[in-house]
Amino acid sequence: MEKGYFTVSELTSLIKGLLEAVPVLQGIWVRGEISNFSQPTSGHMYFYLKDAGARLRCVMFRGTNFRLRFRPADGLEVFAFGSVGVYERNGEYQFYVEALEPAGLGSLYLSFLQLKERLEKEGLFDPARKRPLPRFPRRVALVTSPTGAAVRDMIKILRQRHPGVDILVIPCLVQGPEAAPSIAAALEKASRLAEIDLVIVGRGGGSPEELWPFNEEIVARAIVACRHPVIAAVGHEIDITIADFVADHRAPTPTAAAEMAVPDMRLLRAALADLNRRLIVAARRRLAAERVFLERLLTRSVFIRPTRILAGPRQRLDEARYKMEASLRRRLGDFRTRLGGLAGKLEAVSPLATLARGYAVCLSAAGRIVRASGEVDLGEEVRVLLARGRLRCLVREKEES
């Protein structure tokens, strides 16, 4: 202050130092509603916390905010932990956030709701995309911890219900910060195995924090991407995770998943035996009914006197034959009468009839009928047709008429 004045930088630096030296402004919790939230490519988060009377500029750097289990958004009321400081370049005081918790909702639950909403909008919960379970799987993959009680229970139930099923345990972590990538990798491995018919992914019960890996997006997308039908079996019946929503089927417990995965062969054999018994009984009843029907059928006259059934048709056949013969005789008589008439007419105009009355037909040597004397020459030979016989004559004289 020797100059009698402060530069802007000096004054800002002084204010910054004063603020950061006040203990009550360091390591404190502030409650407010988020507004103007933004997160540029740098990864830092910038927003305001506001209430009815004021607003506070806040920043949460990338190295801190990557641990958040939910995504801040405008309108969300939160508790922010941090310290008050001054951004010297703009001469503004702001709150440097080190931790953020939803007000009224835990961060885990809020993260669950946000991811659930986003995946639901993508259609990953749609029942239409879910696949049915194979009725008789030959090989079942268990994606779970190889040492937990859940895997032992599932293997026991699977063996009891279906002794012939093959069981493949694909081990993974089911708890802790590395569990989600481990589960996703195990699901990917199961997807690559063509001989797998069904996958069960899950673990036994635990706290929400212990079950949290099954709420991670990487696990949800690995379930969706799996080539085989997936049953999610996480915790107890009251435990609901994102994996339950995206899986093809949800089982309330790992034991229930094993019961859902394979049929109970004992019950199936009993059902088959019952069906076989019922089929035999039904066949015997049907045979008995058909035997009675056949016996009744054999008592009918058609089988006792089979020729009688032909008597009527045989008589009708005789009657039809008689009528047909009579009709043919009548028609034949009519034809004969008509033929006689036509023959008489033909006889009247027949050349033979003319010859019979004493006339003759003269033919030239060439076989032409001679109608005039000028048609032949003297000395030419002609033939004369009579009613009975022929004459060969030599023309010696002609007379013209």
Protein backbone atom coordinates (compact mmCIF):
# COMPACT_ATOMS: atom_id res chain seq x y z
CA MET A 1 0.00 0.00 0.00
CA GLU A 2 3.08 2.19 -0.25
CA LYS A 3 1.81 3.58 -3.54
CA GLY A 4 -1.39 4.72 -1.88
CA TYR A 5 -3.54 2.45 -4.06
CA PHE A 6 -4.16 -1.19 -5.04
CA THR A 7 -4.05 -2.58 -8.50
CA VAL A 8 -7.02 -4.67 -9.49
CA SER A 9 -4.92 -7.83 -9.31
CA GLU A 10 -3.56 -6.86 -5.89
CA LEU A 11 -6.99 -6.15 -4.49
CA THR A 12 -8.43 -9.33 -5.94
CA SER A 13 -5.55 -11.37 -4.57
CA LEU A 14 -6.02 -9.75 -1.15
CA ILE A 15 -9.71 -10.54 -1.12
CA LYS A 16 -8.95 -14.09 -2.21
CA GLY A 17 -6.49 -14.53 0.60
CA LEU A 18 -8.89 -13.11 3.15
CA LEU A 19 -11.73 -15.35 2.05
CA GLU A 20 -9.63 -18.47 1.97
CA ALA A 21 -8.30 -17.66 5.44
CA VAL A 22 -11.76 -17.62 7.00
CA PRO A 23 -12.29 -21.12 8.49
CA VAL A 24 -16.05 -20.85 8.38
CA LEU A 25 -15.88 -20.58 4.59
CA GLN A 26 -13.73 -23.68 4.12
CA GLY A 27 -14.95 -27.28 4.19
CA ILE A 28 -18.61 -26.38 4.44
CA TRP A 29 -21.88 -27.80 3.11
CA VAL A 30 -24.19 -25.59 1.05
CA ARG A 31 -27.73 -26.50 0.05
CA GLY A 32 -29.32 -25.12 -3.10
CA GLU A 33 -30.94 -25.80 -6.45
CA ILE A 34 -28.72 -26.34 -9.49
CA SER A 35 -29.18 -23.97 -12.43
CA ASN A 36 -27.27 -23.17 -15.62
CA PHE A 37 -25.44 -26.49 -15.45
CA SER A 38 -22.80 -27.11 -18.13
CA GLN A 39 -19.94 -29.52 -18.70
CA PRO A 40 -17.67 -28.61 -21.63
CA THR A 41 -15.14 -30.93 -23.26
CA SER A 42 -12.66 -30.21 -20.47
CA GLY A 43 -14.83 -32.35 -18.20
CA HIS A 44 -15.18 -29.66 -15.51
CA MET A 45 -18.69 -28.89 -14.26
CA TYR A 46 -19.95 -25.33 -13.98
CA PHE A 47 -23.27 -24.38 -12.42
CA TYR A 48 -25.01 -22.11 -9.92
CA LEU A 49 -26.60 -23.02 -6.61
CA LYS A 50 -29.57 -20.83 -5.89
CA ASP A 51 -32.39 -20.34 -3.43
CA ALA A 52 -35.15 -17.75 -3.13
CA GLY A 53 -32.74 -14.98 -2.11
CA ALA A 54 -29.41 -15.49 -3.93
CA ARG A 55 -27.26 -17.62 -6.16
CA LEU A 56 -23.72 -18.91 -5.86
CA ARG A 57 -21.36 -19.67 -8.74
CA CYS A 58 -19.84 -23.18 -8.42
CA VAL A 59 -17.20 -25.26 -10.16
CA MET A 60 -16.42 -28.95 -9.75
CA PHE A 61 -13.25 -30.06 -11.51
CA ARG A 62 -12.99 -33.22 -13.58
CA GLY A 63 -10.60 -34.89 -11.16
CA THR A 64 -13.34 -34.76 -8.54
CA ASN A 65 -16.61 -35.09 -10.42
CA PHE A 66 -15.72 -38.42 -12.11
CA ARG A 67 -16.57 -40.12 -8.81
CA LEU A 68 -20.18 -38.90 -8.89
CA ARG A 69 -22.72 -41.70 -9.10
CA PHE A 70 -25.38 -39.41 -10.59
CA ARG A 71 -25.40 -36.65 -13.16
CA PRO A 72 -26.22 -33.14 -11.91
CA ALA A 73 -29.02 -31.38 -13.76
CA ASP A 74 -30.90 -28.08 -13.63
CA GLY A 75 -33.64 -28.05 -11.01
CA LEU A 76 -32.00 -30.71 -8.84
CA GLU A 77 -31.66 -29.73 -5.18
CA VAL A 78 -28.32 -30.84 -3.75
CA PHE A 79 -25.90 -30.58 -0.85
CA ALA A 80 -22.52 -29.33 -2.07
CA PHE A 81 -19.38 -29.71 0.04
CA GLY A 82 -16.42 -27.43 -0.64
CA SER A 83 -14.76 -24.09 0.02
CA VAL A 84 -15.30 -20.47 -0.97
CA GLY A 85 -12.61 -18.93 -3.17
CA VAL A 86 -12.04 -16.20 -5.76
CA TYR A 87 -11.55 -16.69 -9.49
CA GLU A 88 -9.04 -13.87 -9.92
CA ARG A 89 -9.35 -13.55 -13.66
CA ASN A 90 -13.01 -12.52 -13.44
CA GLY A 91 -12.80 -11.06 -9.94
CA GLU A 92 -15.68 -13.29 -8.85
CA TYR A 93 -15.97 -15.36 -5.79
CA GLN A 94 -17.18 -18.91 -6.30
CA PHE A 95 -17.66 -22.18 -4.52
CA TYR A 96 -15.19 -24.97 -5.30
CA VAL A 97 -17.21 -28.16 -4.95
CA GLU A 98 -15.47 -31.33 -3.76
CA ALA A 99 -18.54 -33.50 -3.15
CA LEU A 100 -22.16 -33.43 -4.25
CA GLU A 101 -25.14 -35.26 -2.80
CA PRO A 102 -28.79 -35.05 -3.82
CA ALA A 103 -31.02 -33.48 -1.21
CA GLY A 104 -33.73 -35.92 -0.18
CA LEU A 105 -32.40 -38.72 -2.42
CA GLY A 106 -29.21 -40.68 -2.04
CA SER A 107 -26.73 -40.41 -4.88
CA LEU A 108 -26.96 -44.15 -5.57
CA TYR A 109 -30.72 -44.04 -5.86
CA LEU A 110 -30.64 -40.94 -8.03
CA SER A 111 -28.07 -42.58 -10.30
CA PHE A 112 -30.32 -45.63 -10.48
CA LEU A 113 -33.32 -43.52 -11.51
CA GLN A 114 -31.37 -41.55 -14.10
CA LEU A 115 -29.88 -44.62 -15.77
CA LYS A 116 -33.21 -46.43 -15.64
CA GLU A 117 -34.94 -43.53 -17.39
CA ARG A 118 -32.26 -43.28 -20.07
CA LEU A 119 -32.16 -46.99 -20.87
CA GLU A 120 -35.94 -47.18 -20.88
CA LYS A 121 -36.08 -44.40 -23.49
CA GLU A 122 -33.67 -46.43 -25.63
CA GLY A 123 -36.15 -49.32 -25.55
CA LEU A 124 -33.90 -51.72 -23.62
CA PHE A 125 -36.75 -52.58 -21.22
CA ASP A 126 -39.23 -53.29 -24.02
CA PRO A 127 -40.78 -56.76 -23.58
CA ALA A 128 -40.84 -57.14 -27.37
CA ARG A 129 -37.03 -57.43 -27.51
CA LYS A 130 -36.84 -60.02 -24.75
CA ARG A 131 -36.21 -63.64 -25.71
CA PRO A 132 -38.01 -66.72 -24.40
CA LEU A 133 -36.06 -69.22 -22.34
CA PRO A 134 -35.19 -72.54 -24.01
CA ARG A 135 -37.44 -75.29 -22.73
CA PHE A 136 -34.75 -77.93 -22.48
CA PRO A 137 -31.32 -76.24 -22.25
CA ARG A 138 -28.32 -78.51 -22.61
CA ARG A 139 -25.70 -76.16 -21.15
CA VAL A 140 -26.21 -73.31 -18.66
CA ALA A 141 -23.59 -70.66 -17.91
CA LEU A 142 -23.43 -69.11 -14.43
CA VAL A 143 -21.88 -65.63 -14.40
CA THR A 144 -21.20 -65.07 -10.72
CA SER A 145 -18.62 -65.38 -7.98
CA PRO A 146 -17.15 -68.90 -7.94
CA THR A 147 -16.85 -68.88 -4.15
CA GLY A 148 -20.20 -67.50 -2.98
CA ALA A 149 -23.15 -69.39 -1.59
CA ALA A 150 -25.23 -68.38 -4.59
CA VAL A 151 -23.23 -70.44 -7.07
CA ARG A 152 -23.40 -73.51 -4.82
CA ASP A 153 -27.16 -73.14 -4.44
CA MET A 154 -27.67 -72.78 -8.18
CA ILE A 155 -25.52 -75.80 -9.02
CA LYS A 156 -27.35 -77.87 -6.41
CA ILE A 157 -30.79 -76.93 -7.74
CA LEU A 158 -29.75 -77.44 -11.38
CA ARG A 159 -28.38 -80.91 -10.59
CA GLN A 160 -31.47 -81.88 -8.63
CA ARG A 161 -33.90 -80.76 -11.32
CA HIS A 162 -31.94 -81.81 -14.41
CA PRO A 163 -28.99 -84.16 -13.74
CA GLY A 164 -28.07 -84.22 -17.43
CA VAL A 165 -27.56 -80.48 -17.90
CA ASP A 166 -24.01 -79.16 -18.35
CA ILE A 167 -23.06 -76.29 -16.03
CA LEU A 168 -20.33 -73.83 -16.90
CA VAL A 169 -19.26 -71.35 -14.20
CA ILE A 170 -17.76 -68.16 -15.65
CA PRO A 171 -16.19 -66.47 -12.60
CA CYS A 172 -16.32 -62.75 -12.00
CA LEU A 173 -16.29 -60.21 -9.20
CA VAL A 174 -19.74 -59.32 -7.89
CA GLN A 175 -18.80 -56.65 -5.36
CA GLY A 176 -16.50 -53.65 -5.27
CA PRO A 177 -15.31 -51.02 -7.75
CA GLU A 178 -13.94 -53.58 -10.23
CA ALA A 179 -17.06 -55.77 -10.19
CA ALA A 180 -18.99 -54.10 -13.01
CA PRO A 181 -16.20 -54.46 -15.64
CA SER A 182 -15.61 -58.02 -14.43
CA ILE A 183 -19.29 -58.95 -14.82
CA ALA A 184 -19.43 -57.34 -18.27
CA ALA A 185 -16.32 -59.25 -19.39
CA ALA A 186 -17.77 -62.55 -18.14
CA LEU A 187 -21.02 -61.90 -20.01
CA GLU A 188 -19.06 -61.14 -23.17
CA LYS A 189 -17.19 -64.43 -22.77
CA ALA A 190 -20.47 -66.32 -22.35
CA SER A 191 -21.83 -64.63 -25.48
CA ARG A 192 -18.88 -65.91 -27.53
CA LEU A 193 -19.54 -69.55 -26.55
CA ALA A 194 -21.86 -70.99 -29.18
CA GLU A 195 -22.69 -74.11 -27.19
CA ILE A 196 -24.31 -72.10 -24.37
CA ASP A 197 -28.12 -72.18 -24.33
CA LEU A 198 -28.83 -69.96 -21.33
CA VAL A 199 -26.99 -67.54 -19.03
CA ILE A 200 -27.74 -66.77 -15.37
CA VAL A 201 -26.04 -63.64 -14.01
CA GLY A 202 -26.32 -62.57 -10.40
CA ARG A 203 -25.28 -62.98 -6.81
CA GLY A 204 -26.73 -63.48 -3.36
CA GLY A 205 -28.18 -60.79 -1.14
CA GLY A 206 -26.37 -57.75 0.21
CA SER A 207 -26.64 -54.04 0.87
CA PRO A 208 -27.53 -51.63 -1.96
CA GLU A 209 -23.89 -50.65 -2.19
CA GLU A 210 -22.82 -54.30 -2.51
CA LEU A 211 -25.42 -54.92 -5.22
CA TRP A 212 -24.54 -51.70 -7.03
CA PRO A 213 -22.38 -53.27 -9.81
CA PHE A 214 -25.59 -54.70 -11.27
CA ASN A 215 -26.87 -51.12 -11.63
CA GLU A 216 -23.91 -50.05 -13.77
CA GLU A 217 -24.50 -49.19 -17.42
CA ILE A 218 -21.64 -51.40 -18.61
CA VAL A 219 -23.35 -54.45 -17.09
CA ALA A 220 -26.76 -53.50 -18.49
CA ARG A 221 -25.39 -53.16 -22.02
CA ALA A 222 -23.43 -56.42 -21.72
CA ILE A 223 -26.67 -58.23 -20.83
CA VAL A 224 -28.45 -56.70 -23.82
CA ALA A 225 -25.55 -57.61 -26.14
CA CYS A 226 -25.39 -61.25 -25.01
CA ARG A 227 -26.30 -63.69 -27.80
CA HIS A 228 -28.03 -66.06 -25.39
CA PRO A 229 -31.13 -65.54 -23.21
CA VAL A 230 -30.18 -64.07 -19.83
CA ILE A 231 -31.82 -64.52 -16.42
CA ALA A 232 -30.92 -61.85 -13.86
CA ALA A 233 -30.85 -63.17 -10.30
CA VAL A 234 -29.57 -60.44 -8.00
CA GLY A 235 -30.05 -60.49 -4.24
CA HIS A 236 -33.42 -61.22 -2.71
CA GLU A 237 -36.93 -60.71 -4.02
CA ILE A 238 -37.10 -57.13 -2.72
CA ASP A 239 -33.86 -56.14 -4.48
CA ILE A 240 -34.41 -54.51 -7.87
CA THR A 241 -31.49 -53.60 -10.13
CA ILE A 242 -31.03 -52.28 -13.66
CA ALA A 243 -29.92 -55.79 -14.65
CA ASP A 244 -33.41 -57.05 -13.77
CA PHE A 245 -34.99 -54.60 -16.22
CA VAL A 246 -32.75 -55.36 -19.22
CA ALA A 247 -32.47 -59.14 -18.76
CA ASP A 248 -34.76 -61.41 -20.74
CA HIS A 249 -36.18 -62.73 -17.46
CA ARG A 250 -35.85 -61.75 -13.80
CA ALA A 251 -35.65 -64.24 -10.96
CA PRO A 252 -36.21 -63.07 -7.38
CA THR A 253 -33.24 -65.11 -6.12
CA PRO A 254 -30.41 -67.20 -7.60
CA THR A 255 -32.21 -70.35 -6.42
CA ALA A 256 -35.36 -69.28 -8.24
CA ALA A 257 -33.26 -68.61 -11.36
CA ALA A 258 -31.98 -72.20 -11.31
CA GLU A 259 -35.55 -73.47 -10.95
CA MET A 260 -36.62 -71.26 -13.84
CA ALA A 261 -33.72 -72.32 -16.07
CA VAL A 262 -34.33 -76.06 -16.33
CA PRO A 263 -37.37 -78.33 -16.02
CA ASP A 264 -37.69 -80.69 -13.09
CA MET A 265 -37.00 -84.02 -14.79
CA ARG A 266 -38.62 -85.94 -11.93
CA LEU A 267 -41.89 -84.10 -12.43
CA LEU A 268 -41.50 -84.41 -16.18
CA ARG A 269 -41.00 -88.16 -15.97
CA ALA A 270 -44.00 -88.45 -13.64
CA ALA A 271 -46.08 -86.39 -16.07
CA LEU A 272 -44.98 -88.58 -18.98
CA ALA A 273 -45.81 -91.72 -17.03
CA ASP A 274 -49.25 -90.31 -16.24
CA LEU A 275 -49.79 -89.39 -19.89
CA ASN A 276 -48.72 -92.88 -20.93
CA ARG A 277 -51.15 -94.43 -18.47
CA ARG A 278 -53.96 -92.17 -19.63
CA LEU A 279 -53.15 -92.95 -23.25
CA ILE A 280 -53.33 -96.70 -22.59
CA VAL A 281 -56.64 -96.32 -20.76
CA ALA A 282 -58.05 -94.15 -23.55
CA ALA A 283 -56.86 -96.64 -26.19
CA ARG A 284 -58.46 -99.55 -24.36
CA ARG A 285 -61.73 -97.65 -24.01
CA ARG A 286 -61.68 -96.79 -27.68
CA LEU A 287 -60.97 -100.40 -28.66
CA ALA A 288 -63.81 -101.59 -26.44
CA ALA A 289 -66.19 -99.05 -27.99
CA GLU A 290 -65.14 -100.03 -31.51
CA ARG A 291 -65.56 -103.72 -30.67
CA VAL A 292 -69.13 -103.09 -29.49
CA PHE A 293 -69.82 -101.09 -32.63
CA LEU A 294 -68.43 -103.88 -34.81
CA GLU A 295 -70.51 -106.51 -33.01
CA ARG A 296 -73.64 -104.44 -33.56
CA LEU A 297 -72.69 -103.96 -37.17
CA LEU A 298 -72.32 -107.70 -37.71
CA THR A 299 -75.90 -108.29 -36.53
CA ARG A 300 -77.34 -106.27 -39.41
CA SER A 301 -79.04 -108.11 -42.25
CA VAL A 302 -76.51 -106.95 -44.80
CA PHE A 303 -73.92 -109.14 -43.15
CA ILE A 304 -76.28 -112.01 -42.24
CA ARG A 305 -77.93 -112.28 -45.71
CA PRO A 306 -75.71 -110.22 -48.00
CA THR A 307 -77.51 -111.46 -51.19
CA ARG A 308 -80.78 -109.89 -50.09
CA ILE A 309 -79.36 -106.45 -50.50
CA LEU A 310 -78.80 -107.27 -54.18
CA ALA A 311 -82.36 -108.55 -54.81
CA GLY A 312 -83.91 -105.15 -55.33
CA PRO A 313 -81.19 -103.77 -57.64
CA ARG A 314 -81.19 -107.07 -59.57
CA GLN A 315 -84.97 -106.84 -60.12
CA ARG A 316 -84.73 -103.21 -61.15
CA LEU A 317 -81.97 -104.19 -63.57
CA ASP A 318 -84.19 -106.87 -65.14
CA GLU A 319 -87.06 -104.40 -65.48
CA ALA A 320 -84.78 -101.83 -67.07
CA ARG A 321 -83.40 -104.44 -69.49
CA TYR A 322 -86.93 -105.54 -70.48
CA LYS A 323 -87.98 -101.94 -71.11
CA MET A 324 -84.85 -101.30 -73.11
CA GLU A 325 -85.34 -104.43 -75.28
CA ALA A 326 -88.99 -103.53 -75.91
CA SER A 327 -88.03 -100.01 -76.87
CA LEU A 328 -85.33 -101.32 -79.22
CA ARG A 329 -87.80 -103.73 -80.87
CA ARG A 330 -90.30 -100.91 -81.42
CA ARG A 331 -87.69 -98.64 -82.90
CA LEU A 332 -86.33 -101.47 -85.08
CA GLY A 333 -89.84 -102.16 -86.41
CA ASP A 334 -90.29 -98.49 -87.22
CA PHE A 335 -86.97 -98.45 -89.04
CA ARG A 336 -87.92 -101.57 -91.04
CA THR A 337 -91.25 -100.04 -92.08
CA ARG A 338 -89.55 -96.85 -93.19
CA LEU A 339 -86.89 -98.85 -95.01
CA GLY A 340 -89.54 -100.89 -96.86
CA GLY A 341 -91.22 -97.70 -98.04
CA LEU A 342 -87.96 -96.24 -99.19
CA ALA A 343 -87.10 -99.51 -100.97
CA GLY A 344 -90.42 -99.42 -102.85
CA LYS A 345 -89.73 -95.92 -104.00
CA LEU A 346 -86.27 -96.87 -105.12
CA GLU A 347 -87.65 -99.94 -106.92
CA ALA A 348 -90.01 -97.77 -108.88
CA VAL A 349 -87.19 -95.67 -110.28
CA SER A 350 -84.62 -98.47 -110.53
CA PRO A 351 -83.11 -99.17 -113.98
CA LEU A 352 -83.39 -102.88 -113.25
CA ALA A 353 -87.16 -102.56 -112.96
CA THR A 354 -87.22 -100.88 -116.32
CA LEU A 355 -85.17 -103.70 -117.79
CA ALA A 356 -87.55 -106.23 -116.27
CA ARG A 357 -90.39 -104.67 -118.24
CA GLY A 358 -88.58 -105.52 -121.53
CA TYR A 359 -86.32 -102.57 -121.98
CA ALA A 360 -82.55 -102.79 -122.58
CA VAL A 361 -79.52 -100.51 -122.09
CA CYS A 362 -77.00 -100.15 -124.90
CA LEU A 363 -73.38 -99.43 -124.01
CA SER A 364 -70.60 -98.38 -126.40
CA ALA A 365 -67.27 -100.13 -126.48
CA ALA A 366 -66.01 -97.40 -124.18
CA GLY A 367 -68.78 -98.24 -121.68
CA ARG A 368 -70.90 -95.11 -122.27
CA ILE A 369 -74.68 -95.37 -122.46
CA VAL A 370 -75.82 -94.98 -126.07
CA ARG A 371 -78.84 -92.72 -126.28
CA ALA A 372 -78.86 -92.02 -130.04
CA SER A 373 -77.84 -94.02 -133.12
CA GLY A 374 -75.45 -91.29 -134.09
CA GLU A 375 -73.30 -92.01 -131.09
CA VAL A 376 -71.99 -95.26 -132.63
CA ASP A 377 -70.55 -96.12 -136.03
CA LEU A 378 -71.40 -98.90 -138.44
CA GLY A 379 -69.37 -101.97 -137.66
CA GLU A 380 -68.79 -100.85 -134.06
CA GLU A 381 -69.34 -103.39 -131.37
CA VAL A 382 -71.85 -102.52 -128.63
CA ARG A 383 -73.13 -104.29 -125.49
CA VAL A 384 -76.74 -104.60 -124.62
CA LEU A 385 -77.80 -105.02 -120.98
CA LEU A 386 -80.98 -107.02 -120.44
CA ALA A 387 -82.96 -107.82 -117.31
CA ARG A 388 -81.12 -111.13 -117.28
CA GLY A 389 -77.81 -111.30 -119.12
CA ARG A 390 -75.95 -109.25 -121.73
CA LEU A 391 -75.55 -109.20 -125.54
CA ARG A 392 -72.54 -108.26 -127.63
CA CYS A 393 -73.74 -106.92 -130.97
CA LEU A 394 -72.17 -105.53 -134.15
CA VAL A 395 -73.83 -102.43 -135.68
CA ARG A 396 -74.71 -103.17 -139.29
CA GLU A 397 -77.32 -100.57 -139.92
CA LYS A 398 -78.38 -97.26 -138.28
CA GLU A 399 -81.63 -95.41 -138.54
CA GLU A 400 -82.00 -91.82 -137.43
CA SER A 401 -85.22 -90.92 -135.72
